[in-house]
Amino acid sequence: MTERNNLYPIFLKTAKLHILIVGGGNVAEEKLTFLTKSSPDAKVTMVSPMFRKATRELANRFDVALITDSYHAKYLKGKHMVIATTDVPEVNIQVYKDCRSLDKLVNVADNPPFCDFYMGGIVTKGNVKIAISTNGQSPTTAKRLRQFFEDVIPEDINQMVKNLNDYRKTIKGDFEQKVDKMNEITQKLVEKV
C-alpha cells in the first residue's frame, strides 16, 4: 500500500485566534518568523525565561506579547493554538499534555508524535496562497517545493484572481451554471501548451 498524507489543510484567520509560543531561542524565533511572514496580523504571545535580541526585535515589529517567565499551564488560558519550542524535552512534553487536557491545538517543534498540526512551506502571491506539507517527514522538501512554486507562479496572479472574481459576479444562472462557466474559463490555466 502506498503511503499518503492524511493531513487536512486549512487556512486559519490568525487575527481572530490567540497563539502561544513557548520558548525564546532560535526555534521559537524561526516559528515566529514563519508565522508573521504568512500572517503579520496574528495575535501571538511568547513565554520564556529569556528571549534572544533578534526575537525581541521581531516581536516588537509584530506587536507580540512577551512574558519573561518559565512555562506554566496558566499561560494556556484563552489560547487556541500552542507551539512548544524549548530545548528542554520535559517542558515541551508537559506543554503537549496540558494542551491535550484542555483541547488546545499543539505543535511540539521537531517532535511529530506530539503535534496536532505541522507548519509547512507556504507560497504567497497576493490573494493566492499555497501550503505544502510532507507529513512532517521532510521540511527540506517542503522548502524546495516552496521555492519552485515561488518561481513558477506569475507575479501578476493577483490581478488574474481579481479579474476572475469580478467576472464571476456578472455570470447569470444557478450555482451549477456559474461553476461550469468558471471551469470553462479557467481550464486554460492548466492546459499544456
N, C-alpha and C. Protein backbone atom coordinates (compact mmCIF):
# COMPACT_ATOMS: atom_id res chain seq x y z
N MET A 1 0.84 -1.19 0.00
CA MET A 1 0.00 0.00 0.00
C MET A 1 0.88 1.25 0.00
N THR A 2 0.55 2.19 -0.84
CA THR A 2 1.30 3.43 -0.95
C THR A 2 0.99 4.34 0.24
N GLU A 3 2.05 4.95 0.75
CA GLU A 3 1.85 5.93 1.83
C GLU A 3 1.16 7.15 1.28
N ARG A 4 0.39 7.81 2.13
CA ARG A 4 -0.24 9.06 1.72
C ARG A 4 -0.33 10.00 2.91
N ASN A 5 -0.43 11.25 2.62
CA ASN A 5 -0.56 12.29 3.62
C ASN A 5 -2.04 12.46 3.94
N ASN A 6 -2.46 12.13 5.14
CA ASN A 6 -3.86 12.24 5.53
C ASN A 6 -4.18 13.52 6.28
N LEU A 7 -3.24 14.46 6.32
CA LEU A 7 -3.49 15.72 7.00
C LEU A 7 -4.54 16.53 6.23
N TYR A 8 -5.34 17.29 6.96
CA TYR A 8 -6.34 18.14 6.34
C TYR A 8 -5.86 19.58 6.36
N PRO A 9 -5.60 20.17 5.20
CA PRO A 9 -5.09 21.55 5.19
C PRO A 9 -6.21 22.56 5.44
N ILE A 10 -5.91 23.55 6.26
CA ILE A 10 -6.84 24.65 6.49
C ILE A 10 -6.05 25.95 6.49
N PHE A 11 -6.73 27.05 6.27
CA PHE A 11 -6.11 28.37 6.33
C PHE A 11 -6.78 29.11 7.47
N LEU A 12 -6.02 29.39 8.50
CA LEU A 12 -6.55 29.97 9.73
C LEU A 12 -6.54 31.49 9.67
N LYS A 13 -7.58 32.10 10.21
CA LYS A 13 -7.64 33.55 10.36
C LYS A 13 -6.97 33.88 11.68
N THR A 14 -5.66 34.00 11.65
CA THR A 14 -4.88 34.13 12.88
C THR A 14 -5.12 35.45 13.61
N ALA A 15 -5.70 36.44 12.94
CA ALA A 15 -6.03 37.69 13.63
C ALA A 15 -7.17 37.48 14.62
N LYS A 16 -7.92 36.37 14.44
CA LYS A 16 -9.04 36.08 15.34
C LYS A 16 -8.70 35.00 16.36
N LEU A 17 -7.49 34.47 16.29
CA LEU A 17 -7.06 33.42 17.21
C LEU A 17 -5.96 33.94 18.12
N HIS A 18 -5.77 33.28 19.23
CA HIS A 18 -4.68 33.63 20.14
C HIS A 18 -3.69 32.47 20.15
N ILE A 19 -2.45 32.79 19.82
CA ILE A 19 -1.41 31.77 19.66
C ILE A 19 -0.33 31.98 20.71
N LEU A 20 0.09 30.90 21.33
CA LEU A 20 1.16 30.95 22.32
C LEU A 20 2.37 30.20 21.79
N ILE A 21 3.53 30.83 21.86
CA ILE A 21 4.79 30.16 21.57
C ILE A 21 5.54 30.04 22.89
N VAL A 22 5.86 28.81 23.26
CA VAL A 22 6.61 28.56 24.49
C VAL A 22 8.07 28.40 24.11
N GLY A 23 8.90 29.32 24.57
CA GLY A 23 10.32 29.30 24.24
C GLY A 23 10.75 30.65 23.71
N GLY A 24 12.04 30.93 23.78
CA GLY A 24 12.56 32.21 23.33
C GLY A 24 13.86 32.10 22.57
N GLY A 25 14.24 30.89 22.17
CA GLY A 25 15.51 30.67 21.48
C GLY A 25 15.37 30.69 19.97
N ASN A 26 16.31 30.04 19.30
CA ASN A 26 16.35 30.01 17.83
C ASN A 26 15.10 29.41 17.21
N VAL A 27 14.64 28.29 17.76
CA VAL A 27 13.47 27.63 17.17
C VAL A 27 12.23 28.49 17.35
N ALA A 28 12.09 29.10 18.51
CA ALA A 28 10.95 30.00 18.75
C ALA A 28 10.97 31.15 17.75
N GLU A 29 12.15 31.70 17.53
CA GLU A 29 12.28 32.80 16.58
C GLU A 29 11.93 32.34 15.17
N GLU A 30 12.36 31.13 14.81
CA GLU A 30 12.04 30.59 13.50
C GLU A 30 10.53 30.44 13.33
N LYS A 31 9.86 29.91 14.34
CA LYS A 31 8.40 29.73 14.27
C LYS A 31 7.69 31.08 14.21
N LEU A 32 8.16 32.05 14.99
CA LEU A 32 7.57 33.38 14.96
C LEU A 32 7.78 34.03 13.60
N THR A 33 8.96 33.87 13.03
CA THR A 33 9.25 34.42 11.70
C THR A 33 8.31 33.82 10.67
N PHE A 34 8.16 32.50 10.70
CA PHE A 34 7.29 31.77 9.77
C PHE A 34 5.85 32.28 9.91
N LEU A 35 5.40 32.40 11.14
CA LEU A 35 4.02 32.81 11.41
C LEU A 35 3.76 34.24 10.97
N THR A 36 4.65 35.16 11.33
CA THR A 36 4.42 36.56 10.99
C THR A 36 4.64 36.86 9.51
N LYS A 37 5.48 36.07 8.86
CA LYS A 37 5.66 36.25 7.41
C LYS A 37 4.36 35.94 6.68
N SER A 38 3.71 34.86 7.08
CA SER A 38 2.47 34.46 6.44
C SER A 38 1.27 35.24 6.97
N SER A 39 1.27 35.53 8.26
CA SER A 39 0.12 36.18 8.91
C SER A 39 0.61 37.32 9.81
N PRO A 40 0.96 38.47 9.22
CA PRO A 40 1.50 39.56 10.03
C PRO A 40 0.54 40.10 11.08
N ASP A 41 -0.74 39.79 10.94
CA ASP A 41 -1.74 40.27 11.91
C ASP A 41 -2.06 39.22 12.98
N ALA A 42 -1.28 38.15 13.04
CA ALA A 42 -1.52 37.09 14.04
C ALA A 42 -1.40 37.65 15.45
N LYS A 43 -2.25 37.15 16.33
CA LYS A 43 -2.20 37.53 17.75
C LYS A 43 -1.34 36.50 18.47
N VAL A 44 -0.12 36.90 18.81
CA VAL A 44 0.85 35.96 19.37
C VAL A 44 1.35 36.44 20.72
N THR A 45 1.50 35.48 21.63
CA THR A 45 2.15 35.69 22.92
C THR A 45 3.28 34.68 23.00
N MET A 46 4.41 35.10 23.57
CA MET A 46 5.53 34.19 23.80
C MET A 46 5.86 34.19 25.28
N VAL A 47 6.17 33.00 25.81
CA VAL A 47 6.60 32.90 27.20
C VAL A 47 7.92 32.13 27.25
N SER A 48 8.88 32.71 27.97
CA SER A 48 10.19 32.09 28.11
C SER A 48 10.96 32.84 29.20
N PRO A 49 11.87 32.12 29.89
CA PRO A 49 12.71 32.82 30.88
C PRO A 49 13.65 33.83 30.22
N MET A 50 13.96 33.63 28.91
CA MET A 50 14.83 34.56 28.19
C MET A 50 14.41 34.61 26.72
N PHE A 51 14.71 35.74 26.08
CA PHE A 51 14.44 35.91 24.65
C PHE A 51 15.70 36.44 23.99
N ARG A 52 16.02 35.91 22.83
CA ARG A 52 17.15 36.41 22.06
C ARG A 52 16.83 37.85 21.62
N LYS A 53 17.87 38.63 21.40
CA LYS A 53 17.69 40.02 20.99
C LYS A 53 16.88 40.10 19.68
N ALA A 54 17.24 39.26 18.72
CA ALA A 54 16.54 39.28 17.43
C ALA A 54 15.08 38.89 17.59
N THR A 55 14.79 38.00 18.54
CA THR A 55 13.41 37.59 18.79
C THR A 55 12.63 38.77 19.37
N ARG A 56 13.25 39.50 20.29
CA ARG A 56 12.60 40.68 20.87
C ARG A 56 12.30 41.72 19.78
N GLU A 57 13.26 41.93 18.89
CA GLU A 57 13.07 42.90 17.82
C GLU A 57 11.93 42.48 16.89
N LEU A 58 11.89 41.21 16.52
CA LEU A 58 10.82 40.69 15.68
C LEU A 58 9.47 40.82 16.39
N ALA A 59 9.45 40.47 17.66
CA ALA A 59 8.21 40.56 18.45
C ALA A 59 7.71 42.00 18.50
N ASN A 60 8.62 42.94 18.66
CA ASN A 60 8.22 44.36 18.70
C ASN A 60 7.61 44.80 17.37
N ARG A 61 8.17 44.32 16.26
CA ARG A 61 7.65 44.70 14.93
C ARG A 61 6.23 44.20 14.70
N PHE A 62 5.87 43.07 15.33
CA PHE A 62 4.57 42.47 15.07
C PHE A 62 3.65 42.48 16.29
N ASP A 63 3.95 43.34 17.25
CA ASP A 63 3.09 43.51 18.43
C ASP A 63 2.85 42.19 19.16
N VAL A 64 3.90 41.40 19.29
CA VAL A 64 3.84 40.13 20.00
C VAL A 64 4.07 40.39 21.49
N ALA A 65 3.22 39.85 22.34
CA ALA A 65 3.38 40.00 23.78
C ALA A 65 4.46 39.04 24.27
N LEU A 66 5.42 39.55 25.01
CA LEU A 66 6.50 38.74 25.57
C LEU A 66 6.32 38.64 27.07
N ILE A 67 6.32 37.40 27.59
CA ILE A 67 6.22 37.16 29.03
C ILE A 67 7.52 36.50 29.45
N THR A 68 8.29 37.18 30.29
CA THR A 68 9.56 36.63 30.75
C THR A 68 9.29 35.80 32.00
N ASP A 69 9.12 34.50 31.79
CA ASP A 69 8.79 33.57 32.87
C ASP A 69 8.98 32.16 32.34
N SER A 70 9.07 31.21 33.26
CA SER A 70 9.07 29.80 32.87
C SER A 70 7.65 29.41 32.49
N TYR A 71 7.53 28.37 31.68
CA TYR A 71 6.21 27.90 31.26
C TYR A 71 5.40 27.44 32.46
N HIS A 72 4.13 27.78 32.44
CA HIS A 72 3.15 27.28 33.39
C HIS A 72 1.84 27.14 32.64
N ALA A 73 1.05 26.16 32.99
CA ALA A 73 -0.22 25.90 32.29
C ALA A 73 -1.15 27.11 32.30
N LYS A 74 -0.99 28.02 33.26
CA LYS A 74 -1.86 29.20 33.32
C LYS A 74 -1.74 30.04 32.05
N TYR A 75 -0.61 29.94 31.35
CA TYR A 75 -0.42 30.73 30.14
C TYR A 75 -1.22 30.20 28.95
N LEU A 76 -1.83 29.04 29.11
CA LEU A 76 -2.67 28.48 28.05
C LEU A 76 -4.06 29.10 28.02
N LYS A 77 -4.44 29.74 29.11
CA LYS A 77 -5.80 30.31 29.21
C LYS A 77 -6.04 31.29 28.06
N GLY A 78 -7.12 31.08 27.35
CA GLY A 78 -7.51 31.95 26.25
C GLY A 78 -6.76 31.71 24.95
N LYS A 79 -5.88 30.74 24.92
CA LYS A 79 -5.11 30.46 23.70
C LYS A 79 -5.82 29.36 22.90
N HIS A 80 -5.73 29.47 21.59
CA HIS A 80 -6.33 28.49 20.69
C HIS A 80 -5.31 27.48 20.17
N MET A 81 -4.10 27.98 19.97
CA MET A 81 -3.02 27.19 19.38
C MET A 81 -1.75 27.43 20.17
N VAL A 82 -0.95 26.37 20.32
CA VAL A 82 0.29 26.48 21.09
C VAL A 82 1.43 25.81 20.32
N ILE A 83 2.58 26.47 20.35
CA ILE A 83 3.78 25.92 19.71
C ILE A 83 4.87 25.86 20.78
N ALA A 84 5.33 24.65 21.08
CA ALA A 84 6.37 24.46 22.10
C ALA A 84 7.72 24.32 21.41
N THR A 85 8.68 25.16 21.82
CA THR A 85 9.96 25.21 21.12
C THR A 85 11.16 25.18 22.05
N THR A 86 10.96 24.82 23.30
CA THR A 86 12.09 24.90 24.24
C THR A 86 13.11 23.81 23.95
N ASP A 87 14.31 23.96 24.52
CA ASP A 87 15.34 22.93 24.36
C ASP A 87 15.31 21.95 25.53
N VAL A 88 14.21 21.97 26.30
CA VAL A 88 14.03 21.05 27.42
C VAL A 88 12.87 20.11 27.07
N PRO A 89 13.17 18.88 26.66
CA PRO A 89 12.11 17.96 26.22
C PRO A 89 10.98 17.79 27.25
N GLU A 90 11.33 17.77 28.53
CA GLU A 90 10.29 17.58 29.56
C GLU A 90 9.29 18.74 29.56
N VAL A 91 9.78 19.95 29.32
CA VAL A 91 8.87 21.11 29.27
C VAL A 91 7.96 20.99 28.05
N ASN A 92 8.53 20.66 26.91
CA ASN A 92 7.72 20.52 25.70
C ASN A 92 6.65 19.45 25.85
N ILE A 93 7.00 18.33 26.46
CA ILE A 93 6.02 17.26 26.67
C ILE A 93 4.94 17.70 27.65
N GLN A 94 5.32 18.48 28.66
CA GLN A 94 4.32 19.00 29.60
C GLN A 94 3.37 19.95 28.89
N VAL A 95 3.89 20.78 28.01
CA VAL A 95 3.04 21.68 27.22
C VAL A 95 2.06 20.83 26.42
N TYR A 96 2.56 19.79 25.78
CA TYR A 96 1.70 18.90 24.99
C TYR A 96 0.59 18.30 25.86
N LYS A 97 0.96 17.75 27.01
CA LYS A 97 -0.04 17.12 27.89
C LYS A 97 -1.07 18.13 28.37
N ASP A 98 -0.61 19.32 28.75
CA ASP A 98 -1.53 20.36 29.21
C ASP A 98 -2.50 20.76 28.10
N CYS A 99 -1.98 20.90 26.88
CA CYS A 99 -2.83 21.26 25.74
C CYS A 99 -3.85 20.17 25.45
N ARG A 100 -3.42 18.93 25.49
CA ARG A 100 -4.35 17.82 25.22
C ARG A 100 -5.47 17.80 26.26
N SER A 101 -5.14 18.05 27.52
CA SER A 101 -6.17 18.01 28.56
C SER A 101 -7.15 19.18 28.44
N LEU A 102 -6.73 20.24 27.76
CA LEU A 102 -7.58 21.42 27.60
C LEU A 102 -8.12 21.58 26.17
N ASP A 103 -7.92 20.56 25.34
CA ASP A 103 -8.40 20.57 23.95
C ASP A 103 -7.85 21.74 23.13
N LYS A 104 -6.57 22.02 23.31
CA LYS A 104 -5.91 23.07 22.55
C LYS A 104 -5.04 22.42 21.47
N LEU A 105 -5.00 23.02 20.29
CA LEU A 105 -4.12 22.52 19.24
C LEU A 105 -2.68 22.82 19.62
N VAL A 106 -1.79 21.83 19.44
CA VAL A 106 -0.41 22.00 19.87
C VAL A 106 0.56 21.42 18.85
N ASN A 107 1.70 22.09 18.73
CA ASN A 107 2.80 21.63 17.90
C ASN A 107 4.05 21.68 18.76
N VAL A 108 4.68 20.51 18.97
CA VAL A 108 5.96 20.47 19.66
C VAL A 108 7.01 20.38 18.56
N ALA A 109 7.78 21.44 18.43
CA ALA A 109 8.73 21.56 17.32
C ALA A 109 9.65 20.35 17.24
N ASP A 110 9.80 19.85 16.02
CA ASP A 110 10.70 18.73 15.73
C ASP A 110 10.36 17.45 16.49
N ASN A 111 9.08 17.27 16.80
CA ASN A 111 8.66 16.07 17.52
C ASN A 111 7.27 15.66 17.01
N PRO A 112 7.18 15.10 15.78
CA PRO A 112 5.90 14.80 15.15
C PRO A 112 4.87 14.05 15.99
N PRO A 113 5.26 13.07 16.83
CA PRO A 113 4.21 12.40 17.62
C PRO A 113 3.47 13.34 18.58
N PHE A 114 4.07 14.48 18.88
CA PHE A 114 3.47 15.44 19.81
C PHE A 114 2.97 16.68 19.08
N CYS A 115 2.44 16.47 17.87
CA CYS A 115 1.92 17.58 17.06
C CYS A 115 0.51 17.29 16.58
N ASP A 116 -0.38 18.26 16.77
CA ASP A 116 -1.71 18.20 16.16
C ASP A 116 -1.68 18.79 14.76
N PHE A 117 -0.65 19.58 14.48
CA PHE A 117 -0.51 20.23 13.18
C PHE A 117 0.97 20.46 12.91
N TYR A 118 1.28 20.63 11.63
CA TYR A 118 2.64 20.97 11.21
C TYR A 118 2.60 22.34 10.55
N MET A 119 3.70 23.04 10.63
CA MET A 119 3.82 24.33 9.97
C MET A 119 4.64 24.10 8.70
N GLY A 120 3.96 23.87 7.58
CA GLY A 120 4.62 23.50 6.33
C GLY A 120 5.13 24.70 5.56
N GLY A 121 5.57 24.44 4.35
CA GLY A 121 6.04 25.50 3.46
C GLY A 121 4.85 26.27 2.91
N ILE A 122 5.01 27.59 2.74
CA ILE A 122 3.92 28.42 2.25
C ILE A 122 4.43 29.34 1.16
N VAL A 123 3.64 29.42 0.08
CA VAL A 123 3.91 30.35 -1.01
C VAL A 123 2.76 31.34 -1.03
N THR A 124 3.07 32.63 -1.00
CA THR A 124 2.03 33.66 -1.05
C THR A 124 2.34 34.65 -2.16
N LYS A 125 1.37 34.82 -3.04
CA LYS A 125 1.45 35.86 -4.08
C LYS A 125 0.08 36.53 -4.12
N GLY A 126 -0.02 37.70 -3.48
CA GLY A 126 -1.30 38.40 -3.41
C GLY A 126 -2.32 37.56 -2.66
N ASN A 127 -3.46 37.32 -3.31
CA ASN A 127 -4.53 36.53 -2.70
C ASN A 127 -4.34 35.02 -2.85
N VAL A 128 -3.31 34.61 -3.58
CA VAL A 128 -3.06 33.19 -3.79
C VAL A 128 -2.06 32.71 -2.74
N LYS A 129 -2.44 31.64 -2.05
CA LYS A 129 -1.56 31.07 -1.03
C LYS A 129 -1.60 29.55 -1.20
N ILE A 130 -0.41 28.96 -1.23
CA ILE A 130 -0.29 27.51 -1.37
C ILE A 130 0.47 27.00 -0.16
N ALA A 131 -0.11 26.01 0.52
CA ALA A 131 0.57 25.40 1.66
C ALA A 131 1.10 24.04 1.22
N ILE A 132 2.30 23.71 1.69
CA ILE A 132 2.96 22.47 1.30
C ILE A 132 3.28 21.66 2.54
N SER A 133 2.89 20.40 2.52
CA SER A 133 3.16 19.51 3.65
C SER A 133 3.84 18.24 3.17
N THR A 134 4.83 17.79 3.93
CA THR A 134 5.45 16.49 3.67
C THR A 134 5.11 15.53 4.81
N ASN A 135 4.00 15.80 5.47
CA ASN A 135 3.54 14.96 6.58
C ASN A 135 4.57 14.94 7.72
N GLY A 136 5.28 16.04 7.88
CA GLY A 136 6.26 16.16 8.95
C GLY A 136 7.55 15.39 8.71
N GLN A 137 7.73 14.85 7.50
CA GLN A 137 8.88 13.99 7.25
C GLN A 137 10.07 14.67 6.62
N SER A 138 9.84 15.77 5.87
CA SER A 138 10.98 16.40 5.20
C SER A 138 10.77 17.89 5.00
N PRO A 139 11.10 18.70 6.00
CA PRO A 139 10.99 20.15 5.84
C PRO A 139 11.81 20.67 4.66
N THR A 140 12.92 20.02 4.35
CA THR A 140 13.76 20.45 3.23
C THR A 140 13.02 20.30 1.91
N THR A 141 12.29 19.21 1.75
CA THR A 141 11.49 19.02 0.53
C THR A 141 10.43 20.10 0.42
N ALA A 142 9.76 20.40 1.52
CA ALA A 142 8.74 21.46 1.52
C ALA A 142 9.38 22.79 1.12
N LYS A 143 10.57 23.06 1.62
CA LYS A 143 11.28 24.29 1.29
C LYS A 143 11.58 24.36 -0.20
N ARG A 144 12.07 23.27 -0.77
CA ARG A 144 12.40 23.25 -2.21
C ARG A 144 11.14 23.41 -3.06
N LEU A 145 10.06 22.76 -2.66
CA LEU A 145 8.80 22.91 -3.40
C LEU A 145 8.30 24.35 -3.30
N ARG A 146 8.45 24.96 -2.13
CA ARG A 146 8.06 26.36 -1.96
C ARG A 146 8.84 27.23 -2.93
N GLN A 147 10.14 27.01 -3.02
CA GLN A 147 10.97 27.80 -3.94
C GLN A 147 10.54 27.60 -5.39
N PHE A 148 10.20 26.36 -5.74
CA PHE A 148 9.74 26.05 -7.10
C PHE A 148 8.47 26.83 -7.42
N PHE A 149 7.48 26.76 -6.53
CA PHE A 149 6.21 27.44 -6.78
C PHE A 149 6.37 28.96 -6.79
N GLU A 150 7.26 29.49 -5.96
CA GLU A 150 7.52 30.93 -5.99
C GLU A 150 8.04 31.36 -7.35
N ASP A 151 8.84 30.48 -7.98
CA ASP A 151 9.40 30.80 -9.29
C ASP A 151 8.37 30.67 -10.42
N VAL A 152 7.49 29.66 -10.36
CA VAL A 152 6.60 29.39 -11.49
C VAL A 152 5.27 30.14 -11.44
N ILE A 153 4.84 30.59 -10.28
CA ILE A 153 3.58 31.33 -10.21
C ILE A 153 3.87 32.77 -10.65
N PRO A 154 3.13 33.24 -11.64
CA PRO A 154 3.41 34.59 -12.16
C PRO A 154 3.14 35.67 -11.11
N GLU A 155 3.92 36.73 -11.19
CA GLU A 155 3.78 37.84 -10.23
C GLU A 155 2.41 38.51 -10.34
N ASP A 156 1.80 38.47 -11.54
CA ASP A 156 0.51 39.13 -11.74
C ASP A 156 -0.69 38.22 -11.45
N ILE A 157 -0.46 37.12 -10.76
CA ILE A 157 -1.54 36.17 -10.44
C ILE A 157 -2.66 36.86 -9.66
N ASN A 158 -2.33 37.82 -8.83
CA ASN A 158 -3.34 38.50 -8.03
C ASN A 158 -4.32 39.26 -8.93
N GLN A 159 -3.81 39.88 -10.00
CA GLN A 159 -4.69 40.59 -10.92
C GLN A 159 -5.64 39.62 -11.60
N MET A 160 -5.13 38.44 -11.98
CA MET A 160 -5.98 37.44 -12.60
C MET A 160 -7.09 37.01 -11.63
N VAL A 161 -6.74 36.80 -10.37
CA VAL A 161 -7.73 36.39 -9.36
C VAL A 161 -8.81 37.47 -9.24
N LYS A 162 -8.39 38.73 -9.19
CA LYS A 162 -9.36 39.83 -9.08
C LYS A 162 -10.26 39.90 -10.32
N ASN A 163 -9.65 39.75 -11.51
CA ASN A 163 -10.44 39.79 -12.74
C ASN A 163 -11.46 38.65 -12.78
N LEU A 164 -11.04 37.46 -12.39
CA LEU A 164 -11.96 36.32 -12.39
C LEU A 164 -13.07 36.51 -11.36
N ASN A 165 -12.74 37.09 -10.23
CA ASN A 165 -13.76 37.36 -9.21
C ASN A 165 -14.78 38.37 -9.73
N ASP A 166 -14.30 39.43 -10.39
CA ASP A 166 -15.21 40.42 -10.98
C ASP A 166 -16.10 39.77 -12.04
N TYR A 167 -15.49 38.95 -12.89
CA TYR A 167 -16.26 38.28 -13.94
C TYR A 167 -17.30 37.33 -13.34
N ARG A 168 -16.91 36.59 -12.30
CA ARG A 168 -17.81 35.64 -11.65
C ARG A 168 -19.09 36.32 -11.18
N LYS A 169 -18.97 37.55 -10.72
CA LYS A 169 -20.13 38.30 -10.22
C LYS A 169 -21.11 38.66 -11.32
N THR A 170 -20.66 38.66 -12.60
CA THR A 170 -21.53 39.04 -13.71
C THR A 170 -22.26 37.84 -14.34
N ILE A 171 -21.85 36.63 -13.99
CA ILE A 171 -22.43 35.43 -14.61
C ILE A 171 -23.85 35.22 -14.11
N LYS A 172 -24.74 34.96 -15.05
CA LYS A 172 -26.15 34.69 -14.72
C LYS A 172 -26.37 33.19 -14.63
N GLY A 173 -27.41 32.78 -13.95
CA GLY A 173 -27.76 31.37 -13.86
C GLY A 173 -27.64 30.86 -12.44
N ASP A 174 -27.93 29.56 -12.29
CA ASP A 174 -27.85 28.96 -10.96
C ASP A 174 -26.39 28.62 -10.64
N PHE A 175 -26.20 28.10 -9.45
CA PHE A 175 -24.84 27.81 -8.97
C PHE A 175 -24.10 26.89 -9.92
N GLU A 176 -24.76 25.83 -10.37
CA GLU A 176 -24.11 24.85 -11.25
C GLU A 176 -23.70 25.48 -12.58
N GLN A 177 -24.52 26.34 -13.13
CA GLN A 177 -24.19 27.02 -14.39
C GLN A 177 -22.98 27.94 -14.20
N LYS A 178 -22.94 28.63 -13.06
CA LYS A 178 -21.82 29.52 -12.78
C LYS A 178 -20.52 28.73 -12.64
N VAL A 179 -20.60 27.59 -11.94
CA VAL A 179 -19.41 26.74 -11.78
C VAL A 179 -18.93 26.24 -13.14
N ASP A 180 -19.85 25.80 -13.98
CA ASP A 180 -19.48 25.32 -15.31
C ASP A 180 -18.79 26.42 -16.12
N LYS A 181 -19.32 27.63 -16.07
CA LYS A 181 -18.74 28.74 -16.83
C LYS A 181 -17.34 29.09 -16.31
N MET A 182 -17.17 29.12 -14.99
CA MET A 182 -15.86 29.42 -14.41
C MET A 182 -14.86 28.30 -14.74
N ASN A 183 -15.31 27.05 -14.71
CA ASN A 183 -14.43 25.94 -15.08
C ASN A 183 -13.98 26.05 -16.54
N GLU A 184 -14.91 26.44 -17.40
CA GLU A 184 -14.58 26.60 -18.82
C GLU A 184 -13.52 27.69 -19.01
N ILE A 185 -13.68 28.79 -18.34
CA ILE A 185 -12.74 29.91 -18.48
C ILE A 185 -11.37 29.58 -17.89
N THR A 186 -11.35 28.95 -16.73
CA THR A 186 -10.08 28.68 -16.05
C THR A 186 -9.38 27.43 -16.56
N GLN A 187 -10.02 26.64 -17.41
CA GLN A 187 -9.39 25.43 -17.96
C GLN A 187 -8.06 25.77 -18.66
N LYS A 188 -8.01 26.94 -19.26
CA LYS A 188 -6.80 27.37 -19.98
C LYS A 188 -5.58 27.47 -19.04
N LEU A 189 -5.83 27.63 -17.76
CA LEU A 189 -4.73 27.74 -16.80
C LEU A 189 -3.96 26.43 -16.66
N VAL A 190 -4.62 25.31 -16.89
CA VAL A 190 -3.97 24.01 -16.69
C VAL A 190 -3.67 23.28 -17.98
N GLU A 191 -4.06 23.85 -19.12
CA GLU A 191 -3.77 23.20 -20.39
C GLU A 191 -2.31 23.32 -20.73
N LYS A 192 -1.74 22.25 -21.24
CA LYS A 192 -0.35 22.26 -21.67
C LYS A 192 -0.24 22.90 -23.03
N VAL A 193 0.77 23.71 -23.18
CA VAL A 193 0.96 24.42 -24.45
C VAL A 193 1.72 23.56 -25.43
